[in-house]
Amino acid sequence: MYLIGIDEAGRGPWAGPVFASVVILNPEDEIKLLELGIKDSKKLTPYKREKLFSVIKELSVFFNVLSSPVACY
């Protein structure tokens, strides 16, 4: 069993680009991330978020970030 996280950011396809990401972790790595302070990414400083990104990449089984610049009509 894996721990899977999905999130999106941006104003939405009507107002500009939108980004979506997914990360898949082994459940035992959740404790490591909690010890590093990852509980709510919106409460992290940009510096800390950038530093933790590399840790998440190293621990992940899979991760990806995608973007869409505008809505398709």
N, C-alpha and C. Protein backbone atom coordinates (compact mmCIF):
# COMPACT_ATOMS: atom_id res chain seq x y z
N MET A 1 0.85 -1.16 0.00
CA MET A 1 0.00 0.00 0.00
C MET A 1 0.90 1.24 0.00
N TYR A 2 0.47 2.26 -0.72
CA TYR A 2 1.24 3.50 -0.84
C TYR A 2 0.42 4.68 -0.32
N LEU A 3 1.13 5.76 -0.02
CA LEU A 3 0.52 7.02 0.35
C LEU A 3 0.60 7.92 -0.88
N ILE A 4 -0.55 8.42 -1.35
CA ILE A 4 -0.59 9.22 -2.58
C ILE A 4 -1.14 10.61 -2.27
N GLY A 5 -0.44 11.62 -2.73
CA GLY A 5 -0.88 13.00 -2.55
C GLY A 5 -1.06 13.68 -3.90
N ILE A 6 -2.15 14.42 -4.04
CA ILE A 6 -2.46 15.14 -5.27
C ILE A 6 -2.86 16.56 -4.89
N ASP A 7 -2.41 17.55 -5.66
CA ASP A 7 -2.80 18.94 -5.39
C ASP A 7 -2.73 19.73 -6.68
N GLU A 8 -3.41 20.87 -6.67
CA GLU A 8 -3.37 21.78 -7.82
C GLU A 8 -3.17 23.19 -7.30
N ALA A 9 -2.65 24.04 -8.18
CA ALA A 9 -2.43 25.44 -7.82
C ALA A 9 -2.61 26.29 -9.07
N GLY A 10 -3.01 27.51 -8.86
CA GLY A 10 -3.20 28.44 -9.98
C GLY A 10 -4.58 29.04 -9.93
N ARG A 11 -4.81 29.95 -10.82
CA ARG A 11 -6.09 30.67 -10.85
C ARG A 11 -7.16 29.88 -11.59
N GLY A 12 -6.78 28.83 -12.23
CA GLY A 12 -7.74 28.04 -12.99
C GLY A 12 -7.62 28.34 -14.46
N PRO A 13 -8.10 27.45 -15.29
CA PRO A 13 -7.93 27.60 -16.72
C PRO A 13 -8.64 28.81 -17.32
N TRP A 14 -9.60 29.40 -16.63
CA TRP A 14 -10.27 30.59 -17.16
C TRP A 14 -9.44 31.84 -16.94
N ALA A 15 -8.57 31.85 -15.91
CA ALA A 15 -7.84 33.07 -15.56
C ALA A 15 -6.33 32.95 -15.80
N GLY A 16 -5.86 31.82 -16.24
CA GLY A 16 -4.43 31.67 -16.46
C GLY A 16 -4.01 30.23 -16.26
N PRO A 17 -2.70 30.00 -16.17
CA PRO A 17 -2.21 28.63 -16.07
C PRO A 17 -2.61 27.95 -14.76
N VAL A 18 -2.71 26.64 -14.83
CA VAL A 18 -3.01 25.84 -13.65
C VAL A 18 -1.97 24.72 -13.61
N PHE A 19 -1.53 24.37 -12.41
CA PHE A 19 -0.54 23.33 -12.21
C PHE A 19 -1.14 22.22 -11.35
N ALA A 20 -0.77 21.00 -11.64
CA ALA A 20 -1.21 19.85 -10.84
C ALA A 20 0.00 18.98 -10.57
N SER A 21 0.01 18.36 -9.38
CA SER A 21 1.12 17.48 -9.04
C SER A 21 0.61 16.25 -8.31
N VAL A 22 1.42 15.21 -8.38
CA VAL A 22 1.13 13.97 -7.67
C VAL A 22 2.44 13.42 -7.13
N VAL A 23 2.38 12.85 -5.95
CA VAL A 23 3.54 12.17 -5.36
C VAL A 23 3.06 10.87 -4.72
N ILE A 24 3.84 9.82 -4.91
CA ILE A 24 3.53 8.52 -4.31
C ILE A 24 4.68 8.16 -3.39
N LEU A 25 4.35 7.87 -2.13
CA LEU A 25 5.35 7.55 -1.11
C LEU A 25 5.05 6.22 -0.46
N ASN A 26 6.08 5.61 0.07
CA ASN A 26 5.89 4.46 0.95
C ASN A 26 5.35 4.99 2.27
N PRO A 27 4.41 4.31 2.91
CA PRO A 27 3.80 4.81 4.14
C PRO A 27 4.81 5.13 5.25
N GLU A 28 5.90 4.37 5.33
CA GLU A 28 6.87 4.63 6.40
C GLU A 28 7.61 5.96 6.20
N ASP A 29 7.59 6.51 5.01
CA ASP A 29 8.23 7.80 4.77
C ASP A 29 7.39 8.98 5.27
N GLU A 30 6.12 8.74 5.55
CA GLU A 30 5.26 9.80 6.07
C GLU A 30 5.82 10.35 7.38
N ILE A 31 6.32 9.49 8.24
CA ILE A 31 6.87 9.92 9.52
C ILE A 31 8.08 10.82 9.30
N LYS A 32 8.93 10.49 8.35
CA LYS A 32 10.10 11.32 8.04
C LYS A 32 9.67 12.72 7.62
N LEU A 33 8.64 12.79 6.78
CA LEU A 33 8.17 14.09 6.30
C LEU A 33 7.53 14.90 7.42
N LEU A 34 6.77 14.26 8.28
CA LEU A 34 6.17 14.97 9.40
C LEU A 34 7.24 15.51 10.34
N GLU A 35 8.31 14.74 10.55
CA GLU A 35 9.42 15.20 11.40
C GLU A 35 10.11 16.42 10.79
N LEU A 36 10.10 16.54 9.47
CA LEU A 36 10.72 17.68 8.80
C LEU A 36 9.79 18.90 8.76
N GLY A 37 8.57 18.75 9.22
CA GLY A 37 7.65 19.88 9.29
C GLY A 37 6.65 19.97 8.17
N ILE A 38 6.51 18.93 7.36
CA ILE A 38 5.54 18.97 6.27
C ILE A 38 4.18 18.52 6.81
N LYS A 39 3.32 19.51 7.02
CA LYS A 39 1.94 19.24 7.44
C LYS A 39 0.99 19.99 6.53
N ASP A 40 1.31 21.26 6.28
CA ASP A 40 0.49 22.10 5.42
C ASP A 40 1.44 22.95 4.58
N SER A 41 1.56 22.65 3.30
CA SER A 41 2.52 23.35 2.45
C SER A 41 2.25 24.85 2.36
N LYS A 42 1.01 25.25 2.54
CA LYS A 42 0.68 26.68 2.45
C LYS A 42 1.23 27.47 3.64
N LYS A 43 1.59 26.79 4.72
CA LYS A 43 2.16 27.46 5.89
C LYS A 43 3.68 27.48 5.87
N LEU A 44 4.30 26.87 4.85
CA LEU A 44 5.75 26.86 4.73
C LEU A 44 6.23 28.13 4.03
N THR A 45 7.43 28.59 4.41
CA THR A 45 8.03 29.70 3.69
C THR A 45 8.48 29.20 2.32
N PRO A 46 8.60 30.09 1.35
CA PRO A 46 9.08 29.66 0.03
C PRO A 46 10.45 28.95 0.12
N TYR A 47 11.34 29.44 0.99
CA TYR A 47 12.65 28.81 1.15
C TYR A 47 12.52 27.37 1.66
N LYS A 48 11.72 27.18 2.70
CA LYS A 48 11.55 25.84 3.26
C LYS A 48 10.85 24.91 2.26
N ARG A 49 9.87 25.44 1.54
CA ARG A 49 9.17 24.64 0.53
C ARG A 49 10.14 24.15 -0.54
N GLU A 50 11.04 25.03 -0.97
CA GLU A 50 12.04 24.66 -1.98
C GLU A 50 13.00 23.59 -1.45
N LYS A 51 13.44 23.74 -0.21
CA LYS A 51 14.34 22.75 0.39
C LYS A 51 13.65 21.39 0.54
N LEU A 52 12.41 21.39 0.97
CA LEU A 52 11.69 20.13 1.18
C LEU A 52 11.33 19.44 -0.13
N PHE A 53 11.25 20.20 -1.21
CA PHE A 53 10.95 19.61 -2.51
C PHE A 53 11.98 18.54 -2.88
N SER A 54 13.26 18.83 -2.65
CA SER A 54 14.29 17.84 -2.99
C SER A 54 14.19 16.60 -2.11
N VAL A 55 13.80 16.78 -0.84
CA VAL A 55 13.62 15.64 0.06
C VAL A 55 12.46 14.78 -0.42
N ILE A 56 11.37 15.41 -0.80
CA ILE A 56 10.20 14.68 -1.29
C ILE A 56 10.56 13.90 -2.56
N LYS A 57 11.32 14.53 -3.47
CA LYS A 57 11.74 13.84 -4.69
C LYS A 57 12.57 12.60 -4.37
N GLU A 58 13.47 12.72 -3.41
CA GLU A 58 14.33 11.60 -3.04
C GLU A 58 13.54 10.45 -2.41
N LEU A 59 12.54 10.77 -1.59
CA LEU A 59 11.76 9.75 -0.90
C LEU A 59 10.68 9.13 -1.78
N SER A 60 10.28 9.83 -2.82
CA SER A 60 9.11 9.39 -3.58
C SER A 60 9.39 8.15 -4.43
N VAL A 61 8.34 7.35 -4.56
CA VAL A 61 8.34 6.24 -5.50
C VAL A 61 8.10 6.81 -6.90
N PHE A 62 7.26 7.85 -6.97
CA PHE A 62 6.92 8.52 -8.21
C PHE A 62 6.45 9.93 -7.89
N PHE A 63 6.81 10.89 -8.75
CA PHE A 63 6.24 12.23 -8.64
C PHE A 63 6.19 12.86 -10.02
N ASN A 64 5.28 13.82 -10.20
CA ASN A 64 5.18 14.52 -11.46
C ASN A 64 4.47 15.85 -11.23
N VAL A 65 4.84 16.84 -12.02
CA VAL A 65 4.20 18.15 -12.00
C VAL A 65 3.84 18.49 -13.44
N LEU A 66 2.60 18.86 -13.67
CA LEU A 66 2.12 19.19 -15.00
C LEU A 66 1.47 20.55 -14.99
N SER A 67 1.42 21.22 -16.15
CA SER A 67 0.74 22.51 -16.23
C SER A 67 -0.06 22.59 -17.51
N SER A 68 -1.07 23.43 -17.47
CA SER A 68 -1.88 23.72 -18.64
C SER A 68 -2.00 25.24 -18.73
N PRO A 69 -1.56 25.85 -19.82
CA PRO A 69 -1.53 27.31 -19.89
C PRO A 69 -2.90 27.96 -19.99
N VAL A 70 -3.84 27.38 -20.71
CA VAL A 70 -5.17 27.98 -20.90
C VAL A 70 -6.21 26.89 -21.07
N ALA A 71 -7.45 27.30 -21.00
CA ALA A 71 -8.55 26.34 -21.20
C ALA A 71 -8.65 25.93 -22.66
N CYS A 72 -9.10 24.76 -22.90
CA CYS A 72 -9.36 24.30 -24.27
C CYS A 72 -10.85 24.46 -24.54
N TYR A 73 -11.17 25.09 -25.62
CA TYR A 73 -12.58 25.32 -25.95
C TYR A 73 -13.03 24.34 -26.99
